[in-house]
PDB file of N, CA and C in Angstrom:
ATOM      1  N   MET A   1       7.570 -17.678  11.981  1.00  0.00           N
ATOM      2  CA  MET A   1       6.936 -16.766  12.901  1.00  0.00           C
ATOM      3  C   MET A   1       7.061 -17.338  14.310  1.00  0.00           C
ATOM      4  N   ILE A   2       7.251 -16.482  15.263  1.00  0.00           N
ATOM      5  CA  ILE A   2       7.286 -16.883  16.672  1.00  0.00           C
ATOM      6  C   ILE A   2       5.894 -16.695  17.250  1.00  0.00           C
ATOM      7  N   HIS A   3       5.414 -17.734  17.918  1.00  0.00           N
ATOM      8  CA  HIS A   3       4.063 -17.772  18.452  1.00  0.00           C
ATOM      9  C   HIS A   3       4.149 -18.009  19.960  1.00  0.00           C
ATOM     10  N   VAL A   4       3.468 -17.209  20.770  1.00  0.00           N
ATOM     11  CA  VAL A   4       3.454 -17.361  22.221  1.00  0.00           C
ATOM     12  C   VAL A   4       2.266 -18.230  22.625  1.00  0.00           C
ATOM     13  N   VAL A   5       2.518 -19.167  23.544  1.00  0.00           N
ATOM     14  CA  VAL A   5       1.457 -19.980  24.132  1.00  0.00           C
ATOM     15  C   VAL A   5       1.450 -19.692  25.625  1.00  0.00           C
ATOM     16  N   ALA A   6       0.294 -19.302  26.135  1.00  0.00           N
ATOM     17  CA  ALA A   6       0.147 -19.016  27.564  1.00  0.00           C
ATOM     18  C   ALA A   6      -1.157 -19.649  28.042  1.00  0.00           C
ATOM     19  N   ASP A   7      -1.312 -19.713  29.337  1.00  0.00           N
ATOM     20  CA  ASP A   7      -2.593 -20.174  29.869  1.00  0.00           C
ATOM     21  C   ASP A   7      -3.427 -18.958  30.239  1.00  0.00           C
ATOM     22  N   SER A   8      -4.689 -19.184  30.515  1.00  0.00           N
ATOM     23  CA  SER A   8      -5.599 -18.059  30.702  1.00  0.00           C
ATOM     24  C   SER A   8      -5.333 -17.250  31.964  1.00  0.00           C
ATOM     25  N   THR A   9      -4.442 -17.694  32.833  1.00  0.00           N
ATOM     26  CA  THR A   9      -4.103 -16.876  33.995  1.00  0.00           C
ATOM     27  C   THR A   9      -3.259 -15.663  33.617  1.00  0.00           C
ATOM     28  N   CYS A  10      -2.765 -15.623  32.386  1.00  0.00           N
ATOM     29  CA  CYS A  10      -1.916 -14.497  31.974  1.00  0.00           C
ATOM     30  C   CYS A  10      -2.698 -13.196  31.882  1.00  0.00           C
ATOM     31  N   ASP A  11      -4.009 -13.288  31.631  1.00  0.00           N
ATOM     32  CA  ASP A  11      -4.887 -12.116  31.657  1.00  0.00           C
ATOM     33  C   ASP A  11      -4.420 -10.993  30.733  1.00  0.00           C
ATOM     34  N   LEU A  12      -4.064 -11.345  29.521  1.00  0.00           N
ATOM     35  CA  LEU A  12      -3.636 -10.344  28.542  1.00  0.00           C
ATOM     36  C   LEU A  12      -4.825  -9.549  28.018  1.00  0.00           C
ATOM     37  N   PRO A  13      -4.602  -8.320  27.597  1.00  0.00           N
ATOM     38  CA  PRO A  13      -5.686  -7.532  27.011  1.00  0.00           C
ATOM     39  C   PRO A  13      -6.218  -8.208  25.743  1.00  0.00           C
ATOM     40  N   PRO A  14      -7.525  -8.227  25.550  1.00  0.00           N
ATOM     41  CA  PRO A  14      -8.108  -8.886  24.375  1.00  0.00           C
ATOM     42  C   PRO A  14      -7.544  -8.404  23.040  1.00  0.00           C
ATOM     43  N   ASP A  15      -7.218  -7.114  22.933  1.00  0.00           N
ATOM     44  CA  ASP A  15      -6.703  -6.624  21.659  1.00  0.00           C
ATOM     45  C   ASP A  15      -5.317  -7.199  21.353  1.00  0.00           C
ATOM     46  N   TRP A  16      -4.547  -7.572  22.352  1.00  0.00           N
ATOM     47  CA  TRP A  16      -3.259  -8.225  22.109  1.00  0.00           C
ATOM     48  C   TRP A  16      -3.470  -9.581  21.458  1.00  0.00           C
ATOM     49  N   LEU A  17      -4.518 -10.284  21.900  1.00  0.00           N
ATOM     50  CA  LEU A  17      -4.794 -11.613  21.354  1.00  0.00           C
ATOM     51  C   LEU A  17      -5.208 -11.537  19.889  1.00  0.00           C
ATOM     52  N   GLU A  18      -5.787 -10.425  19.497  1.00  0.00           N
ATOM     53  CA  GLU A  18      -6.160 -10.222  18.099  1.00  0.00           C
ATOM     54  C   GLU A  18      -4.978  -9.744  17.264  1.00  0.00           C
ATOM     55  N   ARG A  19      -4.105  -8.961  17.869  1.00  0.00           N
ATOM     56  CA  ARG A  19      -3.017  -8.319  17.148  1.00  0.00           C
ATOM     57  C   ARG A  19      -1.765  -9.191  17.014  1.00  0.00           C
ATOM     58  N   TYR A  20      -1.487 -10.024  18.015  1.00  0.00           N
ATOM     59  CA  TYR A  20      -0.243 -10.789  18.042  1.00  0.00           C
ATOM     60  C   TYR A  20      -0.500 -12.292  17.956  1.00  0.00           C
ATOM     61  N   PRO A  21       0.514 -13.068  17.540  1.00  0.00           N
ATOM     62  CA  PRO A  21       0.345 -14.526  17.473  1.00  0.00           C
ATOM     63  C   PRO A  21       0.455 -15.151  18.869  1.00  0.00           C
ATOM     64  N   ILE A  22      -0.666 -15.118  19.585  1.00  0.00           N
ATOM     65  CA  ILE A  22      -0.729 -15.644  20.954  1.00  0.00           C
ATOM     66  C   ILE A  22      -1.876 -16.645  21.019  1.00  0.00           C
ATOM     67  N   THR A  23      -1.597 -17.806  21.579  1.00  0.00           N
ATOM     68  CA  THR A  23      -2.620 -18.817  21.821  1.00  0.00           C
ATOM     69  C   THR A  23      -2.797 -18.960  23.322  1.00  0.00           C
ATOM     70  N   ILE A  24      -4.033 -18.928  23.767  1.00  0.00           N
ATOM     71  CA  ILE A  24      -4.345 -19.079  25.182  1.00  0.00           C
ATOM     72  C   ILE A  24      -4.961 -20.459  25.399  1.00  0.00           C
ATOM     73  N   VAL A  25      -4.380 -21.214  26.317  1.00  0.00           N
ATOM     74  CA  VAL A  25      -4.919 -22.508  26.723  1.00  0.00           C
ATOM     75  C   VAL A  25      -5.641 -22.271  28.047  1.00  0.00           C
ATOM     76  N   PRO A  26      -6.948 -22.540  28.110  1.00  0.00           N
ATOM     77  CA  PRO A  26      -7.706 -22.190  29.318  1.00  0.00           C
ATOM     78  C   PRO A  26      -7.438 -23.114  30.501  1.00  0.00           C
ATOM     79  N   ILE A  27      -7.390 -22.496  31.696  1.00  0.00           N
ATOM     80  CA  ILE A  27      -7.367 -23.290  32.919  1.00  0.00           C
ATOM     81  C   ILE A  27      -8.796 -23.772  33.170  1.00  0.00           C
ATOM     82  N   HIS A  28      -8.937 -24.684  34.094  1.00  0.00           N
ATOM     83  CA  HIS A  28     -10.257 -25.212  34.464  1.00  0.00           C
ATOM     84  C   HIS A  28     -10.675 -24.610  35.789  1.00  0.00           C
ATOM     85  N   ILE A  29     -11.913 -24.148  35.835  1.00  0.00           N
ATOM     86  CA  ILE A  29     -12.502 -23.594  37.046  1.00  0.00           C
ATOM     87  C   ILE A  29     -13.508 -24.617  37.542  1.00  0.00           C
ATOM     88  N   LEU A  30     -13.370 -24.998  38.810  1.00  0.00           N
ATOM     89  CA  LEU A  30     -14.178 -26.079  39.363  1.00  0.00           C
ATOM     90  C   LEU A  30     -15.187 -25.529  40.363  1.00  0.00           C
ATOM     91  N   PHE A  31     -16.451 -25.535  39.957  1.00  0.00           N
ATOM     92  CA  PHE A  31     -17.544 -25.217  40.860  1.00  0.00           C
ATOM     93  C   PHE A  31     -18.131 -26.549  41.283  1.00  0.00           C
ATOM     94  N   GLY A  32     -17.755 -27.012  42.458  1.00  0.00           N
ATOM     95  CA  GLY A  32     -18.175 -28.342  42.900  1.00  0.00           C
ATOM     96  C   GLY A  32     -17.564 -29.387  41.979  1.00  0.00           C
ATOM     97  N   THR A  33     -18.423 -30.197  41.357  1.00  0.00           N
ATOM     98  CA  THR A  33     -17.936 -31.227  40.424  1.00  0.00           C
ATOM     99  C   THR A  33     -17.954 -30.754  38.975  1.00  0.00           C
ATOM    100  N   GLU A  34     -18.416 -29.527  38.759  1.00  0.00           N
ATOM    101  CA  GLU A  34     -18.491 -28.977  37.400  1.00  0.00           C
ATOM    102  C   GLU A  34     -17.171 -28.313  37.023  1.00  0.00           C
ATOM    103  N   SER A  35     -16.594 -28.752  35.919  1.00  0.00           N
ATOM    104  CA  SER A  35     -15.333 -28.200  35.422  1.00  0.00           C
ATOM    105  C   SER A  35     -15.611 -27.351  34.194  1.00  0.00           C
ATOM    106  N   LEU A  36     -15.213 -26.088  34.258  1.00  0.00           N
ATOM    107  CA  LEU A  36     -15.460 -25.138  33.176  1.00  0.00           C
ATOM    108  C   LEU A  36     -14.137 -24.539  32.719  1.00  0.00           C
ATOM    109  N   ARG A  37     -13.955 -24.422  31.407  1.00  0.00           N
ATOM    110  CA  ARG A  37     -12.736 -23.810  30.866  1.00  0.00           C
ATOM    111  C   ARG A  37     -12.902 -22.290  30.873  1.00  0.00           C
ATOM    112  N   GLU A  38     -11.925 -21.630  31.498  1.00  0.00           N
ATOM    113  CA  GLU A  38     -11.977 -20.178  31.619  1.00  0.00           C
ATOM    114  C   GLU A  38     -12.021 -19.516  30.244  1.00  0.00           C
ATOM    115  N   ASP A  39     -12.953 -18.572  30.089  1.00  0.00           N
ATOM    116  CA  ASP A  39     -13.151 -17.807  28.856  1.00  0.00           C
ATOM    117  C   ASP A  39     -13.617 -18.651  27.671  1.00  0.00           C
ATOM    118  N   VAL A  40     -13.959 -19.913  27.911  1.00  0.00           N
ATOM    119  CA  VAL A  40     -14.555 -20.765  26.876  1.00  0.00           C
ATOM    120  C   VAL A  40     -15.951 -21.175  27.338  1.00  0.00           C
ATOM    121  N   ASP A  41     -16.011 -21.870  28.483  1.00  0.00           N
ATOM    122  CA  ASP A  41     -17.292 -22.327  29.033  1.00  0.00           C
ATOM    123  C   ASP A  41     -17.889 -21.331  30.017  1.00  0.00           C
ATOM    124  N   ILE A  42     -17.050 -20.452  30.534  1.00  0.00           N
ATOM    125  CA  ILE A  42     -17.513 -19.456  31.507  1.00  0.00           C
ATOM    126  C   ILE A  42     -16.705 -18.171  31.325  1.00  0.00           C
ATOM    127  N   ASP A  43     -17.415 -17.045  31.255  1.00  0.00           N
ATOM    128  CA  ASP A  43     -16.712 -15.759  31.136  1.00  0.00           C
ATOM    129  C   ASP A  43     -16.626 -15.109  32.522  1.00  0.00           C
ATOM    130  N   ARG A  44     -15.972 -13.981  32.585  1.00  0.00           N
ATOM    131  CA  ARG A  44     -15.748 -13.329  33.878  1.00  0.00           C
ATOM    132  C   ARG A  44     -17.050 -12.915  34.563  1.00  0.00           C
ATOM    133  N   ASP A  45     -18.007 -12.406  33.792  1.00  0.00           N
ATOM    134  CA  ASP A  45     -19.275 -11.984  34.391  1.00  0.00           C
ATOM    135  C   ASP A  45     -19.990 -13.167  35.040  1.00  0.00           C
ATOM    136  N   GLU A  46     -20.043 -14.294  34.331  1.00  0.00           N
ATOM    137  CA  GLU A  46     -20.697 -15.483  34.875  1.00  0.00           C
ATOM    138  C   GLU A  46     -19.928 -16.026  36.082  1.00  0.00           C
ATOM    139  N   PHE A  47     -18.611 -15.965  36.017  1.00  0.00           N
ATOM    140  CA  PHE A  47     -17.783 -16.403  37.141  1.00  0.00           C
ATOM    141  C   PHE A  47     -18.166 -15.630  38.400  1.00  0.00           C
ATOM    142  N   TYR A  48     -18.180 -14.300  38.312  1.00  0.00           N
ATOM    143  CA  TYR A  48     -18.480 -13.486  39.484  1.00  0.00           C
ATOM    144  C   TYR A  48     -19.932 -13.642  39.919  1.00  0.00           C
ATOM    145  N   ARG A  49     -20.849 -13.840  38.981  1.00  0.00           N
ATOM    146  CA  ARG A  49     -22.243 -14.087  39.337  1.00  0.00           C
ATOM    147  C   ARG A  49     -22.356 -15.357  40.164  1.00  0.00           C
ATOM    148  N   ARG A  50     -21.651 -16.413  39.730  1.00  0.00           N
ATOM    149  CA  ARG A  50     -21.695 -17.683  40.471  1.00  0.00           C
ATOM    150  C   ARG A  50     -21.039 -17.571  41.841  1.00  0.00           C
ATOM    151  N   VAL A  51     -19.932 -16.873  41.911  1.00  0.00           N
ATOM    152  CA  VAL A  51     -19.272 -16.690  43.208  1.00  0.00           C
ATOM    153  C   VAL A  51     -20.207 -15.952  44.155  1.00  0.00           C
ATOM    154  N   ASP A  52     -20.841 -14.900  43.651  1.00  0.00           N
ATOM    155  CA  ASP A  52     -21.764 -14.126  44.481  1.00  0.00           C
ATOM    156  C   ASP A  52     -22.963 -14.967  44.902  1.00  0.00           C
ATOM    157  N   ALA A  53     -23.514 -15.744  43.971  1.00  0.00           N
ATOM    158  CA  ALA A  53     -24.708 -16.545  44.269  1.00  0.00           C
ATOM    159  C   ALA A  53     -24.405 -17.695  45.234  1.00  0.00           C
ATOM    160  N   THR A  54     -23.257 -18.315  45.095  1.00  0.00           N
ATOM    161  CA  THR A  54     -22.928 -19.477  45.932  1.00  0.00           C
ATOM    162  C   THR A  54     -22.130 -19.112  47.172  1.00  0.00           C
ATOM    163  N   ARG A  55     -21.565 -17.900  47.178  1.00  0.00           N
ATOM    164  CA  ARG A  55     -20.721 -17.442  48.279  1.00  0.00           C
ATOM    165  C   ARG A  55     -19.517 -18.370  48.510  1.00  0.00           C
ATOM    166  N   THR A  56     -19.044 -18.966  47.418  1.00  0.00           N
ATOM    167  CA  THR A  56     -17.858 -19.820  47.497  1.00  0.00           C
ATOM    168  C   THR A  56     -16.883 -19.433  46.391  1.00  0.00           C
ATOM    169  N   ILE A  57     -15.611 -19.578  46.698  1.00  0.00           N
ATOM    170  CA  ILE A  57     -14.569 -19.359  45.706  1.00  0.00           C
ATOM    171  C   ILE A  57     -14.255 -20.729  45.102  1.00  0.00           C
ATOM    172  N   PRO A  58     -14.370 -20.856  43.790  1.00  0.00           N
ATOM    173  CA  PRO A  58     -14.109 -22.161  43.180  1.00  0.00           C
ATOM    174  C   PRO A  58     -12.624 -22.506  43.202  1.00  0.00           C
ATOM    175  N   LYS A  59     -12.349 -23.770  42.998  1.00  0.00           N
ATOM    176  CA  LYS A  59     -10.968 -24.214  42.842  1.00  0.00           C
ATOM    177  C   LYS A  59     -10.607 -24.108  41.371  1.00  0.00           C
ATOM    178  N   THR A  60      -9.333 -24.153  41.090  1.00  0.00           N
ATOM    179  CA  THR A  60      -8.879 -24.154  39.699  1.00  0.00           C
ATOM    180  C   THR A  60      -7.981 -25.363  39.473  1.00  0.00           C
ATOM    181  N   SER A  61      -7.844 -25.710  38.221  1.00  0.00           N
ATOM    182  CA  SER A  61      -6.988 -26.826  37.842  1.00  0.00           C
ATOM    183  C   SER A  61      -6.269 -26.457  36.555  1.00  0.00           C
ATOM    184  N   GLN A  62      -5.034 -26.906  36.456  1.00  0.00           N
ATOM    185  CA  GLN A  62      -4.251 -26.613  35.261  1.00  0.00           C
ATOM    186  C   GLN A  62      -4.858 -27.317  34.049  1.00  0.00           C
ATOM    187  N   PRO A  63      -4.592 -26.796  32.857  1.00  0.00           N
ATOM    188  CA  PRO A  63      -5.008 -27.494  31.647  1.00  0.00           C
ATOM    189  C   PRO A  63      -4.329 -28.866  31.585  1.00  0.00           C
ATOM    190  N   ALA A  64      -4.993 -29.798  30.965  1.00  0.00           N
ATOM    191  CA  ALA A  64      -4.409 -31.129  30.774  1.00  0.00           C
ATOM    192  C   ALA A  64      -3.278 -31.036  29.750  1.00  0.00           C
ATOM    193  N   PRO A  65      -2.291 -31.925  29.846  1.00  0.00           N
ATOM    194  CA  PRO A  65      -1.239 -31.932  28.827  1.00  0.00           C
ATOM    195  C   PRO A  65      -1.802 -32.019  27.407  1.00  0.00           C
ATOM    196  N   ALA A  66      -2.892 -32.750  27.228  1.00  0.00           N
ATOM    197  CA  ALA A  66      -3.503 -32.869  25.894  1.00  0.00           C
ATOM    198  C   ALA A  66      -3.961 -31.520  25.353  1.00  0.00           C
ATOM    199  N   ASP A  67      -4.371 -30.605  26.234  1.00  0.00           N
ATOM    200  CA  ASP A  67      -4.771 -29.262  25.803  1.00  0.00           C
ATOM    201  C   ASP A  67      -3.583 -28.519  25.194  1.00  0.00           C
ATOM    202  N   PHE A  68      -2.428 -28.679  25.825  1.00  0.00           N
ATOM    203  CA  PHE A  68      -1.219 -28.052  25.291  1.00  0.00           C
ATOM    204  C   PHE A  68      -0.745 -28.751  24.022  1.00  0.00           C
ATOM    205  N   VAL A  69      -0.815 -30.079  23.992  1.00  0.00           N
ATOM    206  CA  VAL A  69      -0.409 -30.821  22.786  1.00  0.00           C
ATOM    207  C   VAL A  69      -1.202 -30.327  21.589  1.00  0.00           C
ATOM    208  N   SER A  70      -2.492 -30.160  21.762  1.00  0.00           N
ATOM    209  CA  SER A  70      -3.343 -29.680  20.669  1.00  0.00           C
ATOM    210  C   SER A  70      -2.895 -28.307  20.174  1.00  0.00           C
ATOM    211  N   ALA A  71      -2.633 -27.390  21.104  1.00  0.00           N
ATOM    212  CA  ALA A  71      -2.180 -26.048  20.726  1.00  0.00           C
ATOM    213  C   ALA A  71      -0.805 -26.107  20.065  1.00  0.00           C
ATOM    214  N   TYR A  72       0.102 -26.888  20.626  1.00  0.00           N
ATOM    215  CA  TYR A  72       1.455 -26.994  20.079  1.00  0.00           C
ATOM    216  C   TYR A  72       1.427 -27.571  18.671  1.00  0.00           C
ATOM    217  N   ARG A  73       0.591 -28.576  18.441  1.00  0.00           N
ATOM    218  CA  ARG A  73       0.503 -29.192  17.107  1.00  0.00           C
ATOM    219  C   ARG A  73       0.016 -28.198  16.067  1.00  0.00           C
ATOM    220  N   ARG A  74      -1.015 -27.415  16.428  1.00  0.00           N
ATOM    221  CA  ARG A  74      -1.541 -26.413  15.483  1.00  0.00           C
ATOM    222  C   ARG A  74      -0.453 -25.423  15.080  1.00  0.00           C
ATOM    223  N   ILE A  75       0.350 -25.011  16.036  1.00  0.00           N
ATOM    224  CA  ILE A  75       1.386 -24.004  15.771  1.00  0.00           C
ATOM    225  C   ILE A  75       2.542 -24.598  14.978  1.00  0.00           C
ATOM    226  N   THR A  76       3.048 -25.734  15.422  1.00  0.00           N
ATOM    227  CA  THR A  76       4.224 -26.313  14.762  1.00  0.00           C
ATOM    228  C   THR A  76       3.879 -26.899  13.400  1.00  0.00           C
ATOM    229  N   ALA A  77       2.626 -27.269  13.163  1.00  0.00           N
ATOM    230  CA  ALA A  77       2.221 -27.790  11.851  1.00  0.00           C
ATOM    231  C   ALA A  77       2.382 -26.729  10.771  1.00  0.00           C
ATOM    232  N   ARG A  78       2.287 -25.464  11.159  1.00  0.00           N
ATOM    233  CA  ARG A  78       2.468 -24.353  10.215  1.00  0.00           C
ATOM    234  C   ARG A  78       3.933 -23.998  10.051  1.00  0.00           C
ATOM    235  N   GLY A  79       4.798 -24.667  10.820  1.00  0.00           N
ATOM    236  CA  GLY A  79       6.219 -24.360  10.761  1.00  0.00           C
ATOM    237  C   GLY A  79       6.625 -23.234  11.688  1.00  0.00           C
ATOM    238  N   ASP A  80       5.708 -22.770  12.522  1.00  0.00           N
ATOM    239  CA  ASP A  80       6.015 -21.692  13.452  1.00  0.00           C
ATOM    240  C   ASP A  80       6.772 -22.221  14.668  1.00  0.00           C
ATOM    241  N   THR A  81       7.511 -21.336  15.289  1.00  0.00           N
ATOM    242  CA  THR A  81       8.201 -21.625  16.542  1.00  0.00           C
ATOM    243  C   THR A  81       7.311 -21.150  17.674  1.00  0.00           C
ATOM    244  N   LEU A  82       7.279 -21.914  18.772  1.00  0.00           N
ATOM    245  CA  LEU A  82       6.458 -21.472  19.890  1.00  0.00           C
ATOM    246  C   LEU A  82       7.305 -21.212  21.114  1.00  0.00           C
ATOM    247  N   ILE A  83       6.847 -20.246  21.893  1.00  0.00           N
ATOM    248  CA  ILE A  83       7.458 -19.917  23.171  1.00  0.00           C
ATOM    249  C   ILE A  83       6.355 -20.013  24.214  1.00  0.00           C
ATOM    250  N   PRO A  84       6.441 -21.012  25.108  1.00  0.00           N
ATOM    251  CA  PRO A  84       5.429 -21.106  26.168  1.00  0.00           C
ATOM    252  C   PRO A  84       5.778 -20.179  27.332  1.00  0.00           C
ATOM    253  N   ILE A  85       4.767 -19.502  27.855  1.00  0.00           N
ATOM    254  CA  ILE A  85       4.948 -18.620  29.006  1.00  0.00           C
ATOM    255  C   ILE A  85       3.880 -18.983  30.031  1.00  0.00           C
ATOM    256  N   HIS A  86       4.338 -19.432  31.210  1.00  0.00           N
ATOM    257  CA  HIS A  86       3.408 -19.906  32.244  1.00  0.00           C
ATOM    258  C   HIS A  86       3.883 -19.466  33.621  1.00  0.00           C
ATOM    259  N   PRO A  87       2.963 -19.558  34.613  1.00  0.00           N
ATOM    260  CA  PRO A  87       3.375 -19.240  35.982  1.00  0.00           C
ATOM    261  C   PRO A  87       4.439 -20.230  36.461  1.00  0.00           C
ATOM    262  N   THR A  88       5.206 -19.821  37.422  1.00  0.00           N
ATOM    263  CA  THR A  88       6.223 -20.685  37.990  1.00  0.00           C
ATOM    264  C   THR A  88       5.609 -21.956  38.569  1.00  0.00           C
ATOM    265  N   GLY A  89       6.370 -23.019  38.544  1.00  0.00           N
ATOM    266  CA  GLY A  89       5.911 -24.296  39.074  1.00  0.00           C
ATOM    267  C   GLY A  89       5.627 -24.274  40.564  1.00  0.00           C
ATOM    268  N   THR A  90       6.171 -23.302  41.286  1.00  0.00           N
ATOM    269  CA  THR A  90       5.880 -23.205  42.717  1.00  0.00           C
ATOM    270  C   THR A  90       4.501 -22.617  42.984  1.00  0.00           C
ATOM    271  N   LEU A  91       3.907 -21.965  41.983  1.00  0.00           N
ATOM    272  CA  LEU A  91       2.572 -21.381  42.138  1.00  0.00           C
ATOM    273  C   LEU A  91       1.480 -22.177  41.435  1.00  0.00           C
ATOM    274  N   SER A  92       1.860 -22.932  40.420  1.00  0.00           N
ATOM    275  CA  SER A  92       0.861 -23.605  39.594  1.00  0.00           C
ATOM    276  C   SER A  92       1.450 -24.865  38.976  1.00  0.00           C
ATOM    277  N   ALA A  93       0.599 -25.858  38.763  1.00  0.00           N
ATOM    278  CA  ALA A  93       1.032 -27.087  38.094  1.00  0.00           C
ATOM    279  C   ALA A  93       0.920 -26.965  36.576  1.00  0.00           C
ATOM    280  N   THR A  94       0.497 -25.804  36.089  1.00  0.00           N
ATOM    281  CA  THR A  94       0.332 -25.600  34.654  1.00  0.00           C
ATOM    282  C   THR A  94       1.613 -25.874  33.888  1.00  0.00           C
ATOM    283  N   VAL A  95       2.727 -25.406  34.396  1.00  0.00           N
ATOM    284  CA  VAL A  95       3.993 -25.596  33.693  1.00  0.00           C
ATOM    285  C   VAL A  95       4.316 -27.091  33.556  1.00  0.00           C
ATOM    286  N   GLN A  96       3.900 -27.906  34.518  1.00  0.00           N
ATOM    287  CA  GLN A  96       4.120 -29.356  34.413  1.00  0.00           C
ATOM    288  C   GLN A  96       3.334 -29.942  33.246  1.00  0.00           C
ATOM    289  N   SER A  97       2.089 -29.508  33.083  1.00  0.00           N
ATOM    290  CA  SER A  97       1.292 -29.974  31.948  1.00  0.00           C
ATOM    291  C   SER A  97       1.923 -29.550  30.632  1.00  0.00           C
ATOM    292  N   ALA A  98       2.405 -28.317  30.580  1.00  0.00           N
ATOM    293  CA  ALA A  98       3.039 -27.805  29.362  1.00  0.00           C
ATOM    294  C   ALA A  98       4.314 -28.587  29.048  1.00  0.00           C
ATOM    295  N   GLU A  99       5.099 -28.901  30.075  1.00  0.00           N
ATOM    296  CA  GLU A  99       6.327 -29.670  29.861  1.00  0.00           C
ATOM    297  C   GLU A  99       6.021 -31.084  29.389  1.00  0.00           C
ATOM    298  N   LEU A 100       5.010 -31.706  29.978  1.00  0.00           N
ATOM    299  CA  LEU A 100       4.610 -33.046  29.525  1.00  0.00           C
ATOM    300  C   LEU A 100       4.187 -33.010  28.058  1.00  0.00           C
ATOM    301  N   ALA A 101       3.452 -31.977  27.688  1.00  0.00           N
ATOM    302  CA  ALA A 101       3.006 -31.851  26.298  1.00  0.00           C
ATOM    303  C   ALA A 101       4.185 -31.678  25.351  1.00  0.00           C
ATOM    304  N   ALA A 102       5.165 -30.893  25.771  1.00  0.00           N
ATOM    305  CA  ALA A 102       6.321 -30.642  24.907  1.00  0.00           C
ATOM    306  C   ALA A 102       7.180 -31.891  24.727  1.00  0.00           C
ATOM    307  N   ASN A 103       7.124 -32.783  25.693  1.00  0.00           N
ATOM    308  CA  ASN A 103       7.963 -33.984  25.648  1.00  0.00           C
ATOM    309  C   ASN A 103       7.227 -35.262  25.254  1.00  0.00           C
ATOM    310  N   HIS A 104       5.944 -35.180  24.983  1.00  0.00           N
ATOM    311  CA  HIS A 104       5.188 -36.389  24.646  1.00  0.00           C
ATOM    312  C   HIS A 104       4.271 -36.110  23.471  1.00  0.00           C
ATOM    313  N   PRO A 105       4.256 -36.893  22.472  1.00  0.00           N
ATOM    314  CA  PRO A 105       5.219 -37.960  22.206  1.00  0.00           C
ATOM    315  C   PRO A 105       6.585 -37.383  21.865  1.00  0.00           C
ATOM    316  N   ALA A 106       7.587 -38.044  22.322  1.00  0.00           N
ATOM    317  CA  ALA A 106       8.959 -37.557  22.208  1.00  0.00           C
ATOM    318  C   ALA A 106       9.298 -37.182  20.772  1.00  0.00           C
ATOM    319  N   GLY A 107       9.815 -35.973  20.605  1.00  0.00           N
ATOM    320  CA  GLY A 107      10.285 -35.512  19.313  1.00  0.00           C
ATOM    321  C   GLY A 107       9.215 -35.011  18.358  1.00  0.00           C
ATOM    322  N   GLU A 108       7.934 -35.153  18.717  1.00  0.00           N
ATOM    323  CA  GLU A 108       6.874 -34.730  17.794  1.00  0.00           C
ATOM    324  C   GLU A 108       6.734 -33.224  17.730  1.00  0.00           C
ATOM    325  N   ILE A 109       6.931 -32.554  18.846  1.00  0.00           N
ATOM    326  CA  ILE A 109       6.759 -31.097  18.912  1.00  0.00           C
ATOM    327  C   ILE A 109       8.120 -30.484  19.232  1.00  0.00           C
ATOM    328  N   ASN A 110       8.575 -29.582  18.379  1.00  0.00           N
ATOM    329  CA  ASN A 110       9.879 -28.944  18.574  1.00  0.00           C
ATOM    330  C   ASN A 110       9.699 -27.478  18.881  1.00  0.00           C
TER     331      ASN A 110
END
């Protein structure tokens, strides 16, 4: 089976995530020193409530390579093939984390 891995910036419809073999790795949303995983630790309603209450736009950070390694291992352990889909490296460092995960440890994830 072919399995798609994307980060949470892809903003796919929820029913697609239920219907198709897609794994979402959450980006990190930084409110000050607090790091929250999008759609795991904070949902959209809470995000907008905090933005409105603080009048600040939070920063974001790409998932750690370990986040991708974990997702890749789950998929490849079943014998599935994965296709990662991420924003371009000129817009986000997410693809760098995904590439590091795919190459470390060398040969473990195909």
